[in-house]
C-alpha atoms as a PDB file:
ATOM      1  CA  MET A   1     -10.537  -8.342   1.622  1.00  0.00           C
ATOM      2  CA  HIS A   2      -8.850  -9.683  -1.481  1.00  0.00           C
ATOM      3  CA  ILE A   3      -5.331 -11.053  -1.385  1.00  0.00           C
ATOM      4  CA  PRO A   4      -3.910 -12.357  -4.666  1.00  0.00           C
ATOM      5  CA  HIS A   5      -3.341 -16.093  -4.852  1.00  0.00           C
ATOM      6  CA  PHE A   6       0.182 -17.088  -5.794  1.00  0.00           C
ATOM      7  CA  PRO A   7       1.376 -20.456  -7.071  1.00  0.00           C
ATOM      8  CA  TRP A   8       3.916 -21.636  -4.528  1.00  0.00           C
ATOM      9  CA  PRO A   9       6.925 -23.109  -6.398  1.00  0.00           C
ATOM     10  CA  LYS A  10       7.806 -26.613  -5.239  1.00  0.00           C
ATOM     11  CA  ASN A  11      11.534 -25.908  -5.466  1.00  0.00           C
ATOM     12  CA  ALA A  12      11.413 -22.408  -4.037  1.00  0.00           C
ATOM     13  CA  ARG A  13      14.288 -23.117  -1.629  1.00  0.00           C
ATOM     14  CA  ARG A  14      16.661 -24.193  -4.419  1.00  0.00           C
ATOM     15  CA  ARG A  15      16.613 -21.333  -6.876  1.00  0.00           C
ATOM     16  CA  PRO A  16      19.936 -20.758  -8.618  1.00  0.00           C
ATOM     17  CA  VAL A  17      22.233 -18.266  -6.941  1.00  0.00           C
ATOM     18  CA  ALA A  18      23.783 -17.483 -10.327  1.00  0.00           C
ATOM     19  CA  ALA A  19      20.610 -15.739 -11.414  1.00  0.00           C
ATOM     20  CA  ALA A  20      20.743 -13.498  -8.378  1.00  0.00           C
ATOM     21  CA  ALA A  21      24.370 -12.638  -9.035  1.00  0.00           C
ATOM     22  CA  LEU A  22      23.508 -11.748 -12.621  1.00  0.00           C
ATOM     23  CA  LEU A  23      20.713  -9.482 -11.429  1.00  0.00           C
ATOM     24  CA  ALA A  24      23.064  -7.765  -9.030  1.00  0.00           C
ATOM     25  CA  ALA A  25      25.580  -7.112 -11.752  1.00  0.00           C
ATOM     26  CA  THR A  26      22.913  -5.896 -14.134  1.00  0.00           C
ATOM     27  CA  LEU A  27      21.480  -3.469 -11.635  1.00  0.00           C
ATOM     28  CA  GLY A  28      24.915  -2.252 -10.619  1.00  0.00           C
ATOM     29  CA  LEU A  29      24.077  -2.425  -6.945  1.00  0.00           C
ATOM     30  CA  THR A  30      26.888  -1.525  -4.561  1.00  0.00           C
ATOM     31  CA  SER A  31      27.562  -3.330  -1.338  1.00  0.00           C
ATOM     32  CA  CYS A  32      26.365  -1.670   1.830  1.00  0.00           C
ATOM     33  CA  SER A  33      25.715  -3.890   4.825  1.00  0.00           C
ATOM     34  CA  ALA A  34      24.670  -7.504   4.993  1.00  0.00           C
ATOM     35  CA  ALA A  35      21.032  -8.199   5.696  1.00  0.00           C
ATOM     36  CA  ALA A  36      20.299  -9.661   9.098  1.00  0.00           C
ATOM     37  CA  SER A  37      17.871 -12.357  10.122  1.00  0.00           C
ATOM     38  CA  SER A  38      15.301 -10.988  12.535  1.00  0.00           C
ATOM     39  CA  THR A  39      14.719 -14.395  14.075  1.00  0.00           C
ATOM     40  CA  GLY A  40      18.235 -15.668  14.465  1.00  0.00           C
ATOM     41  CA  THR A  41      17.221 -18.979  12.900  1.00  0.00           C
ATOM     42  CA  ASP A  42      19.717 -21.215  11.148  1.00  0.00           C
ATOM     43  CA  ASP A  43      20.084 -20.616   7.416  1.00  0.00           C
ATOM     44  CA  ASP A  44      20.093 -24.411   6.920  1.00  0.00           C
ATOM     45  CA  SER A  45      16.601 -24.730   8.355  1.00  0.00           C
ATOM     46  CA  ASP A  46      14.139 -26.698   6.268  1.00  0.00           C
ATOM     47  CA  LEU A  47      11.342 -24.278   7.147  1.00  0.00           C
ATOM     48  CA  PRO A  48       9.901 -22.143   4.328  1.00  0.00           C
ATOM     49  CA  VAL A  49      11.579 -18.715   4.294  1.00  0.00           C
ATOM     50  CA  VAL A  50       9.557 -15.497   4.476  1.00  0.00           C
ATOM     51  CA  LEU A  51      11.653 -12.444   3.648  1.00  0.00           C
ATOM     52  CA  THR A  52      10.417  -8.990   4.674  1.00  0.00           C
ATOM     53  CA  THR A  53      11.824  -5.651   3.620  1.00  0.00           C
ATOM     54  CA  PHE A  54      12.280  -4.168   7.098  1.00  0.00           C
ATOM     55  CA  THR A  55      12.244  -5.107  10.755  1.00  0.00           C
ATOM     56  CA  VAL A  56       8.733  -3.970  11.641  1.00  0.00           C
ATOM     57  CA  LEU A  57       7.222  -6.253   9.016  1.00  0.00           C
ATOM     58  CA  SER A  58       9.543  -9.028  10.134  1.00  0.00           C
ATOM     59  CA  ASP A  59       8.282  -8.894  13.697  1.00  0.00           C
ATOM     60  CA  LEU A  60       4.651  -8.798  12.597  1.00  0.00           C
ATOM     61  CA  ALA A  61       5.307 -11.816  10.381  1.00  0.00           C
ATOM     62  CA  THR A  62       7.128 -13.696  13.134  1.00  0.00           C
ATOM     63  CA  ASN A  63       4.164 -13.351  15.477  1.00  0.00           C
ATOM     64  CA  VAL A  64       1.833 -14.769  12.835  1.00  0.00           C
ATOM     65  CA  ALA A  65       4.221 -17.491  11.624  1.00  0.00           C
ATOM     66  CA  GLY A  66       5.083 -18.895  15.020  1.00  0.00           C
ATOM     67  CA  GLU A  67       7.411 -21.867  14.729  1.00  0.00           C
ATOM     68  CA  HIS A  68       6.269 -22.897  11.277  1.00  0.00           C
ATOM     69  CA  LEU A  69       8.177 -20.424   9.085  1.00  0.00           C
ATOM     70  CA  GLN A  70      11.628 -18.845   9.078  1.00  0.00           C
ATOM     71  CA  VAL A  71      11.180 -15.066   8.961  1.00  0.00           C
ATOM     72  CA  GLU A  72      14.013 -12.719   7.993  1.00  0.00           C
ATOM     73  CA  SER A  73      14.409  -8.992   7.317  1.00  0.00           C
ATOM     74  CA  ILE A  74      16.530  -7.441   4.582  1.00  0.00           C
ATOM     75  CA  THR A  75      17.313  -4.332   6.634  1.00  0.00           C
ATOM     76  CA  LYS A  76      18.913  -4.358  10.057  1.00  0.00           C
ATOM     77  CA  PRO A  77      17.544  -2.841  13.278  1.00  0.00           C
ATOM     78  CA  GLY A  78      17.935   0.920  13.276  1.00  0.00           C
ATOM     79  CA  ALA A  79      18.140   1.244   9.491  1.00  0.00           C
ATOM     80  CA  GLU A  80      16.505   4.152   7.652  1.00  0.00           C
ATOM     81  CA  ILE A  81      14.127   2.388   5.284  1.00  0.00           C
ATOM     82  CA  HIS A  82      13.456   5.188   2.793  1.00  0.00           C
ATOM     83  CA  GLY A  83      16.944   5.462   1.335  1.00  0.00           C
ATOM     84  CA  TYR A  84      18.250   1.934   1.809  1.00  0.00           C
ATOM     85  CA  GLU A  85      20.477   0.563  -0.978  1.00  0.00           C
ATOM     86  CA  PRO A  86      20.159  -3.201  -1.592  1.00  0.00           C
ATOM     87  CA  THR A  87      23.281  -5.322  -1.839  1.00  0.00           C
ATOM     88  CA  PRO A  88      24.065  -8.327  -4.049  1.00  0.00           C
ATOM     89  CA  GLY A  89      23.637 -10.367  -0.875  1.00  0.00           C
ATOM     90  CA  ASP A  90      20.107  -9.031  -0.514  1.00  0.00           C
ATOM     91  CA  ILE A  91      19.257 -10.223  -4.015  1.00  0.00           C
ATOM     92  CA  LYS A  92      20.753 -13.622  -3.294  1.00  0.00           C
ATOM     93  CA  LYS A  93      18.673 -13.853  -0.134  1.00  0.00           C
ATOM     94  CA  ALA A  94      15.525 -12.768  -1.980  1.00  0.00           C
ATOM     95  CA  SER A  95      16.063 -15.278  -4.775  1.00  0.00           C
ATOM     96  CA  LYS A  96      16.100 -18.130  -2.242  1.00  0.00           C
ATOM     97  CA  ALA A  97      13.023 -17.060  -0.298  1.00  0.00           C
ATOM     98  CA  ASP A  98       9.668 -18.791  -0.556  1.00  0.00           C
ATOM     99  CA  LEU A  99       7.677 -15.591  -0.025  1.00  0.00           C
ATOM    100  CA  ILE A 100       8.571 -11.902   0.052  1.00  0.00           C
ATOM    101  CA  VAL A 101       6.512  -9.438   2.095  1.00  0.00           C
ATOM    102  CA  ASP A 102       6.833  -5.716   1.479  1.00  0.00           C
ATOM    103  CA  ASN A 103       4.898  -2.729   2.751  1.00  0.00           C
ATOM    104  CA  GLY A 104       4.125  -1.185  -0.638  1.00  0.00           C
ATOM    105  CA  MET A 105       2.714   2.343  -0.943  1.00  0.00           C
ATOM    106  CA  ASN A 106       6.007   3.517  -2.499  1.00  0.00           C
ATOM    107  CA  LEU A 107       7.982   2.890   0.703  1.00  0.00           C
ATOM    108  CA  GLU A 108      10.499   0.439  -0.732  1.00  0.00           C
ATOM    109  CA  ALA A 109      11.247   1.960  -4.137  1.00  0.00           C
ATOM    110  CA  TRP A 110      14.717   0.463  -3.809  1.00  0.00           C
ATOM    111  CA  PHE A 111      13.232  -3.024  -3.518  1.00  0.00           C
ATOM    112  CA  GLU A 112      10.879  -2.737  -6.455  1.00  0.00           C
ATOM    113  CA  LYS A 113      13.898  -2.363  -8.756  1.00  0.00           C
ATOM    114  CA  PHE A 114      14.595  -6.061  -8.628  1.00  0.00           C
ATOM    115  CA  VAL A 115      11.729  -7.959  -6.981  1.00  0.00           C
ATOM    116  CA  ASP A 116       9.752  -8.142 -10.221  1.00  0.00           C
ATOM    117  CA  HIS A 117      12.657 -10.003 -11.855  1.00  0.00           C
ATOM    118  CA  LEU A 118      12.730 -12.762  -9.252  1.00  0.00           C
ATOM    119  CA  ASP A 119      10.756 -15.981  -9.492  1.00  0.00           C
ATOM    120  CA  VAL A 120       9.461 -15.555  -5.951  1.00  0.00           C
ATOM    121  CA  PRO A 121       5.853 -14.927  -4.874  1.00  0.00           C
ATOM    122  CA  HIS A 122       5.332 -11.745  -2.890  1.00  0.00           C
ATOM    123  CA  ILE A 123       2.520  -9.937  -1.150  1.00  0.00           C
ATOM    124  CA  VAL A 124       1.942  -6.319  -0.168  1.00  0.00           C
ATOM    125  CA  ALA A 125       1.219  -6.231   3.556  1.00  0.00           C
ATOM    126  CA  SER A 126      -0.701  -2.947   3.381  1.00  0.00           C
ATOM    127  CA  GLU A 127      -3.282  -4.160   0.874  1.00  0.00           C
ATOM    128  CA  GLY A 128      -6.734  -2.923   1.856  1.00  0.00           C
ATOM    129  CA  VAL A 129      -5.552   0.035   3.945  1.00  0.00           C
ATOM    130  CA  ASP A 130      -7.644   3.213   3.846  1.00  0.00           C
ATOM    131  CA  VAL A 131      -4.865   5.358   2.398  1.00  0.00           C
ATOM    132  CA  ILE A 132      -3.940   8.864   3.553  1.00  0.00           C
ATOM    133  CA  ASP A 133      -2.156  10.842   0.862  1.00  0.00           C
ATOM    134  CA  ILE A 134       0.931  12.969   1.427  1.00  0.00           C
ATOM    135  CA  SER A 135      -0.272  16.565   1.243  1.00  0.00           C
ATOM    136  CA  GLU A 136       2.855  18.539   0.328  1.00  0.00           C
ATOM    137  CA  ASP A 137       6.398  18.614  -1.064  1.00  0.00           C
ATOM    138  CA  GLU A 138       7.533  16.656  -4.111  1.00  0.00           C
ATOM    139  CA  GLN A 139       5.583  13.545  -3.087  1.00  0.00           C
ATOM    140  CA  ALA A 140       2.251  15.308  -2.654  1.00  0.00           C
ATOM    141  CA  GLY A 141      -0.618  13.101  -3.780  1.00  0.00           C
ATOM    142  CA  LEU A 142       1.257   9.839  -3.213  1.00  0.00           C
ATOM    143  CA  PRO A 143       0.200   7.463  -0.429  1.00  0.00           C
ATOM    144  CA  ASN A 144       1.703   8.040   2.982  1.00  0.00           C
ATOM    145  CA  PRO A 145       3.381   4.652   3.442  1.00  0.00           C
ATOM    146  CA  HIS A 146       3.544   4.524   7.257  1.00  0.00           C
ATOM    147  CA  ALA A 147       0.269   2.674   7.620  1.00  0.00           C
ATOM    148  CA  TRP A 148       1.632   0.198  10.189  1.00  0.00           C
ATOM    149  CA  MET A 149       1.735   3.021  12.761  1.00  0.00           C
ATOM    150  CA  SER A 150      -2.034   2.648  13.100  1.00  0.00           C
ATOM    151  CA  PRO A 151      -3.085  -0.231  15.364  1.00  0.00           C
ATOM    152  CA  ASP A 152      -6.159  -0.687  13.159  1.00  0.00           C
ATOM    153  CA  ASN A 153      -3.992  -0.974  10.051  1.00  0.00           C
ATOM    154  CA  ALA A 154      -1.526  -3.276  11.785  1.00  0.00           C
ATOM    155  CA  LYS A 155      -4.342  -5.739  12.358  1.00  0.00           C
ATOM    156  CA  LEU A 156      -5.031  -5.635   8.623  1.00  0.00           C
ATOM    157  CA  TYR A 157      -1.353  -6.371   7.934  1.00  0.00           C
ATOM    158  CA  VAL A 158      -1.618  -9.363  10.262  1.00  0.00           C
ATOM    159  CA  ASP A 159      -4.692 -10.687   8.458  1.00  0.00           C
ATOM    160  CA  ASN A 160      -2.976 -10.346   5.089  1.00  0.00           C
ATOM    161  CA  MET A 161       0.035 -12.260   6.367  1.00  0.00           C
ATOM    162  CA  ALA A 162      -2.057 -15.019   7.933  1.00  0.00           C
ATOM    163  CA  LYS A 163      -3.875 -15.577   4.637  1.00  0.00           C
ATOM    164  CA  ALA A 164      -0.659 -15.666   2.608  1.00  0.00           C
ATOM    165  CA  PHE A 165       1.142 -17.909   5.092  1.00  0.00           C
ATOM    166  CA  GLY A 166      -1.786 -20.307   4.979  1.00  0.00           C
ATOM    167  CA  GLU A 167      -1.299 -20.620   1.220  1.00  0.00           C
ATOM    168  CA  LEU A 168       2.440 -21.088   1.667  1.00  0.00           C
ATOM    169  CA  ALA A 169       2.073 -23.780   4.341  1.00  0.00           C
ATOM    170  CA  PRO A 170      -1.543 -25.029   4.219  1.00  0.00           C
ATOM    171  CA  GLU A 171      -0.921 -27.671   6.869  1.00  0.00           C
ATOM    172  CA  HIS A 172      -0.436 -24.850   9.407  1.00  0.00           C
ATOM    173  CA  ALA A 173      -3.154 -22.490   8.156  1.00  0.00           C
ATOM    174  CA  GLU A 174      -5.261 -22.832  11.312  1.00  0.00           C
ATOM    175  CA  ASP A 175      -2.251 -22.059  13.493  1.00  0.00           C
ATOM    176  CA  PHE A 176      -1.535 -18.893  11.508  1.00  0.00           C
ATOM    177  CA  LEU A 177      -5.110 -17.728  11.949  1.00  0.00           C
ATOM    178  CA  ALA A 178      -5.019 -18.482  15.686  1.00  0.00           C
ATOM    179  CA  ASN A 179      -1.711 -16.666  16.116  1.00  0.00           C
ATOM    180  CA  ALA A 180      -3.090 -13.689  14.210  1.00  0.00           C
ATOM    181  CA  ALA A 181      -6.225 -13.521  16.353  1.00  0.00           C
ATOM    182  CA  GLU A 182      -4.253 -13.454  19.618  1.00  0.00           C
ATOM    183  CA  TYR A 183      -1.721 -10.961  18.287  1.00  0.00           C
ATOM    184  CA  LYS A 184      -4.433  -8.592  17.096  1.00  0.00           C
ATOM    185  CA  LYS A 185      -5.861  -8.476  20.622  1.00  0.00           C
ATOM    186  CA  GLU A 186      -2.509  -7.222  21.918  1.00  0.00           C
ATOM    187  CA  ILE A 187      -2.266  -4.610  19.162  1.00  0.00           C
ATOM    188  CA  GLN A 188      -5.811  -3.414  19.860  1.00  0.00           C
ATOM    189  CA  GLN A 189      -5.056  -3.011  23.555  1.00  0.00           C
ATOM    190  CA  VAL A 190      -2.218  -0.576  22.827  1.00  0.00           C
ATOM    191  CA  GLY A 191      -4.508   1.507  20.638  1.00  0.00           C
ATOM    192  CA  ASP A 192      -7.262   1.490  23.265  1.00  0.00           C
ATOM    193  CA  ASP A 193      -4.813   2.574  25.974  1.00  0.00           C
ATOM    194  CA  LEU A 194      -3.592   5.514  23.875  1.00  0.00           C
ATOM    195  CA  GLU A 195      -7.103   6.762  23.173  1.00  0.00           C
ATOM    196  CA  ALA A 196      -8.023   6.468  26.847  1.00  0.00           C
ATOM    197  CA  ASP A 197      -4.910   8.347  27.965  1.00  0.00           C
ATOM    198  CA  LEU A 198      -5.591  11.203  25.553  1.00  0.00           C
ATOM    199  CA  SER A 199      -9.322  11.462  26.230  1.00  0.00           C
ATOM    200  CA  THR A 200      -8.954  14.249  28.815  1.00  0.00           C
ATOM    201  CA  LEU A 201      -6.860  16.559  26.637  1.00  0.00           C
ATOM    202  CA  PRO A 202      -8.392  19.885  25.552  1.00  0.00           C
ATOM    203  CA  LYS A 203      -9.138  19.991  21.838  1.00  0.00           C
ATOM    204  CA  ASN A 204      -6.393  22.494  21.046  1.00  0.00           C
ATOM    205  CA  GLU A 205      -3.790  20.279  22.735  1.00  0.00           C
ATOM    206  CA  ARG A 206      -4.810  17.166  20.815  1.00  0.00           C
ATOM    207  CA  ALA A 207      -1.979  17.692  18.351  1.00  0.00           C
ATOM    208  CA  LEU A 208       0.972  15.565  17.320  1.00  0.00           C
ATOM    209  CA  VAL A 209       3.942  17.586  16.055  1.00  0.00           C
ATOM    210  CA  THR A 210       6.839  15.544  14.669  1.00  0.00           C
ATOM    211  CA  CYS A 211       9.840  15.909  12.380  1.00  0.00           C
ATOM    212  CA  GLU A 212       8.451  13.646   9.637  1.00  0.00           C
ATOM    213  CA  GLY A 213       4.817  13.188   8.634  1.00  0.00           C
ATOM    214  CA  ALA A 214       4.994   9.526   9.587  1.00  0.00           C
ATOM    215  CA  PHE A 215       2.147   9.532  12.096  1.00  0.00           C
ATOM    216  CA  SER A 216      -0.842  10.380   9.935  1.00  0.00           C
ATOM    217  CA  TYR A 217      -2.487   7.009  10.538  1.00  0.00           C
ATOM    218  CA  LEU A 218      -1.760   6.934  14.269  1.00  0.00           C
ATOM    219  CA  ALA A 219      -3.051  10.502  14.595  1.00  0.00           C
ATOM    220  CA  ARG A 220      -6.236   9.549  12.780  1.00  0.00           C
ATOM    221  CA  ASP A 221      -6.797   6.572  15.102  1.00  0.00           C
ATOM    222  CA  ALA A 222      -6.184   8.652  18.235  1.00  0.00           C
ATOM    223  CA  GLY A 223      -8.105  11.743  17.161  1.00  0.00           C
ATOM    224  CA  LEU A 224      -5.006  13.963  17.002  1.00  0.00           C
ATOM    225  CA  THR A 225      -4.282  16.811  14.600  1.00  0.00           C
ATOM    226  CA  GLU A 226      -1.010  16.113  12.808  1.00  0.00           C
ATOM    227  CA  GLN A 227       1.690  18.695  12.109  1.00  0.00           C
ATOM    228  CA  TYR A 228       5.241  18.027  10.954  1.00  0.00           C
ATOM    229  CA  ILE A 229       8.348  19.784   9.648  1.00  0.00           C
ATOM    230  CA  TRP A 230       8.706  17.747   6.461  1.00  0.00           C
ATOM    231  CA  ALA A 231       6.362  15.248   4.856  1.00  0.00           C
ATOM    232  CA  VAL A 232       8.885  12.488   4.072  1.00  0.00           C
ATOM    233  CA  ASN A 233      12.453  11.937   5.242  1.00  0.00           C
ATOM    234  CA  ALA A 234      14.913  13.420   2.760  1.00  0.00           C
ATOM    235  CA  GLU A 235      18.593  14.255   2.551  1.00  0.00           C
ATOM    236  CA  GLN A 236      18.145  18.005   2.526  1.00  0.00           C
ATOM    237  CA  GLN A 237      17.885  20.072   5.691  1.00  0.00           C
ATOM    238  CA  ALA A 238      14.585  21.463   6.854  1.00  0.00           C
ATOM    239  CA  ARG A 239      13.664  24.658   5.019  1.00  0.00           C
ATOM    240  CA  PRO A 240      13.181  27.859   7.050  1.00  0.00           C
ATOM    241  CA  SER A 241       9.601  28.026   5.829  1.00  0.00           C
ATOM    242  CA  GLN A 242       8.919  24.557   7.223  1.00  0.00           C
ATOM    243  CA  ILE A 243      10.359  25.486  10.603  1.00  0.00           C
ATOM    244  CA  ALA A 244       8.336  28.711  10.649  1.00  0.00           C
ATOM    245  CA  ALA A 245       5.094  26.887   9.808  1.00  0.00           C
ATOM    246  CA  ALA A 246       5.617  24.416  12.633  1.00  0.00           C
ATOM    247  CA  ILE A 247       6.426  27.194  15.093  1.00  0.00           C
ATOM    248  CA  GLU A 248       3.250  29.053  14.143  1.00  0.00           C
ATOM    249  CA  PHE A 249       1.143  25.928  14.585  1.00  0.00           C
ATOM    250  CA  VAL A 250       2.630  25.130  17.994  1.00  0.00           C
ATOM    251  CA  LYS A 251       2.060  28.690  19.222  1.00  0.00           C
ATOM    252  CA  ASP A 252      -1.468  28.969  17.834  1.00  0.00           C
ATOM    253  CA  GLN A 253      -2.574  25.623  19.271  1.00  0.00           C
ATOM    254  CA  GLN A 254      -0.590  25.969  22.490  1.00  0.00           C
ATOM    255  CA  VAL A 255       0.833  22.507  21.883  1.00  0.00           C
ATOM    256  CA  PRO A 256       2.516  21.327  25.102  1.00  0.00           C
ATOM    257  CA  ALA A 257       5.107  18.983  23.561  1.00  0.00           C
ATOM    258  CA  VAL A 258       6.730  18.072  20.239  1.00  0.00           C
ATOM    259  CA  PHE A 259       8.607  14.978  19.062  1.00  0.00           C
ATOM    260  CA  CYS A 260      11.117  13.634  16.553  1.00  0.00           C
ATOM    261  CA  GLU A 261      11.911  10.217  15.087  1.00  0.00           C
ATOM    262  CA  SER A 262      14.890   8.039  15.987  1.00  0.00           C
ATOM    263  CA  THR A 263      16.335   7.821  12.465  1.00  0.00           C
ATOM    264  CA  VAL A 264      16.785  11.588  11.914  1.00  0.00           C
ATOM    265  CA  SER A 265      18.402  14.497  13.746  1.00  0.00           C
ATOM    266  CA  ASP A 266      16.125  16.314  16.176  1.00  0.00           C
ATOM    267  CA  ALA A 267      18.021  19.605  15.648  1.00  0.00           C
ATOM    268  CA  PRO A 268      15.213  21.188  13.571  1.00  0.00           C
ATOM    269  CA  MET A 269      12.662  20.274  16.247  1.00  0.00           C
ATOM    270  CA  GLN A 270      14.878  21.753  18.943  1.00  0.00           C
ATOM    271  CA  GLN A 271      14.629  25.086  17.073  1.00  0.00           C
ATOM    272  CA  ILE A 272      10.859  24.883  17.498  1.00  0.00           C
ATOM    273  CA  VAL A 273      11.233  24.115  21.201  1.00  0.00           C
ATOM    274  CA  GLU A 274      13.453  27.180  21.628  1.00  0.00           C
ATOM    275  CA  ALA A 275      10.974  29.417  19.785  1.00  0.00           C
ATOM    276  CA  THR A 276       7.855  28.257  21.655  1.00  0.00           C
ATOM    277  CA  ASP A 277       6.640  27.164  25.067  1.00  0.00           C
ATOM    278  CA  ALA A 278       6.544  23.515  23.977  1.00  0.00           C
ATOM    279  CA  ASP A 279       8.748  20.876  25.586  1.00  0.00           C
ATOM    280  CA  PHE A 280      10.615  18.235  23.637  1.00  0.00           C
ATOM    281  CA  GLY A 281       8.402  15.253  24.392  1.00  0.00           C
ATOM    282  CA  GLY A 282      10.823  12.540  23.368  1.00  0.00           C
ATOM    283  CA  THR A 283      12.052  10.304  20.578  1.00  0.00           C
ATOM    284  CA  LEU A 284       9.564   8.241  18.586  1.00  0.00           C
ATOM    285  CA  TYR A 285      10.237   5.100  16.551  1.00  0.00           C
ATOM    286  CA  VAL A 286       8.695   4.459  13.143  1.00  0.00           C
ATOM    287  CA  ASP A 287      10.693   2.791  10.392  1.00  0.00           C
ATOM    288  CA  SER A 288      12.797   0.367  12.366  1.00  0.00           C
ATOM    289  CA  LEU A 289      12.919  -1.691  15.513  1.00  0.00           C
ATOM    290  CA  SER A 290      15.917  -1.547  17.811  1.00  0.00           C
ATOM    291  CA  THR A 291      18.289  -4.379  18.660  1.00  0.00           C
ATOM    292  CA  ALA A 292      17.132  -6.885  21.261  1.00  0.00           C
ATOM    293  CA  ASP A 293      18.663  -4.864  24.111  1.00  0.00           C
ATOM    294  CA  GLY A 294      17.240  -1.552  22.844  1.00  0.00           C
ATOM    295  CA  PRO A 295      14.013   0.281  23.694  1.00  0.00           C
ATOM    296  CA  VAL A 296      11.794  -1.167  20.931  1.00  0.00           C
ATOM    297  CA  PRO A 297      12.906  -4.691  19.982  1.00  0.00           C
ATOM    298  CA  THR A 298       9.381  -5.660  18.864  1.00  0.00           C
ATOM    299  CA  TYR A 299       6.512  -3.951  17.066  1.00  0.00           C
ATOM    300  CA  LEU A 300       4.372  -4.001  20.215  1.00  0.00           C
ATOM    301  CA  ASP A 301       7.245  -2.375  22.095  1.00  0.00           C
ATOM    302  CA  LEU A 302       7.473   0.291  19.398  1.00  0.00           C
ATOM    303  CA  LEU A 303       3.751   0.969  19.492  1.00  0.00           C
ATOM    304  CA  ARG A 304       3.673   1.068  23.303  1.00  0.00           C
ATOM    305  CA  HIS A 305       6.764   3.281  23.498  1.00  0.00           C
ATOM    306  CA  ASP A 306       5.390   5.797  21.017  1.00  0.00           C
ATOM    307  CA  SER A 307       1.906   5.785  22.526  1.00  0.00           C
ATOM    308  CA  GLU A 308       3.171   6.248  26.083  1.00  0.00           C
ATOM    309  CA  THR A 309       5.723   8.884  25.044  1.00  0.00           C
ATOM    310  CA  ILE A 310       3.040  10.867  23.227  1.00  0.00           C
ATOM    311  CA  SER A 311       0.370  10.580  25.898  1.00  0.00           C
ATOM    312  CA  ASP A 312       2.755  11.276  28.819  1.00  0.00           C
ATOM    313  CA  ALA A 313       4.184  14.395  27.152  1.00  0.00           C
ATOM    314  CA  LEU A 314       0.867  15.835  25.984  1.00  0.00           C
ATOM    315  CA  THR A 315      -0.979  15.183  29.240  1.00  0.00           C
ATOM    316  CA  GLY A 316       1.858  16.379  31.442  1.00  0.00           C
ATOM    317  CA  ALA A 317       2.459  13.009  33.053  1.00  0.00           C
ATOM    318  CA  ASN A 318       6.200  13.589  32.639  1.00  0.00           C
ATOM    319  CA  SER A 319       6.048  16.780  34.749  1.00  0.00           C
END
């Protein structure tokens, strides 16, 4: 696969803060919440800084970087990534980073507003993914950005990061590759376990019904038919027609369980539960990790939680 080569600035850690403040004023960004470091490392560390746009990418990057890089996330655990509003502090943090990693695929439209104006190399973690397009609503035809929900795609993300980190810190390139190889084995195991758990399901029950269409890639990996209420998280409430379509699908396919994501209300999905014989299978995590004491503090935890929640509910293991 091809990953662009970036010239790594020798003084990347000492970029002027004044430029970031000027960008913040120019863009008119309002203060929301301060960005949090995903690693808890000291800001005075001499390690090169890798800044990611959200916590899932941060954890992937941390597993590849090991002890050789300081990895941070702009958004905090639990944050809704689609509608995040950057702060002046975010721009300051970005201007001082040595490398920025974003997901791409139109996920971080808020980030693209200023990243191109910063003298900081950046890579798109999803480069090389076999894209699934959004099929409906106002974003129809655009890439579905949730590619990291596929174990196969996550391994591609890891490879992209290992290559870029090796260019950032060539003296540790072999370590990055070794870390990536071991981490990919763990990711693959979660995917294999999900496929094995679902292998006994009748064809009509091999369906994944969720609030948002964020599981297209996971469904493809696991051989599930995807159905959702809305394609992409939005401010407006679910339309009656969307609820009706999901109800019809669940009834026709005799789907045993349905799900909703942690960052949105499950009220629309509960309407589907009430109108059908399906159970509410549980809460799934997509766009954000939890805090360290929560249910999904790492990407592997997120993937395992979602896989086990889906397989247990669809196969009746929860009964």
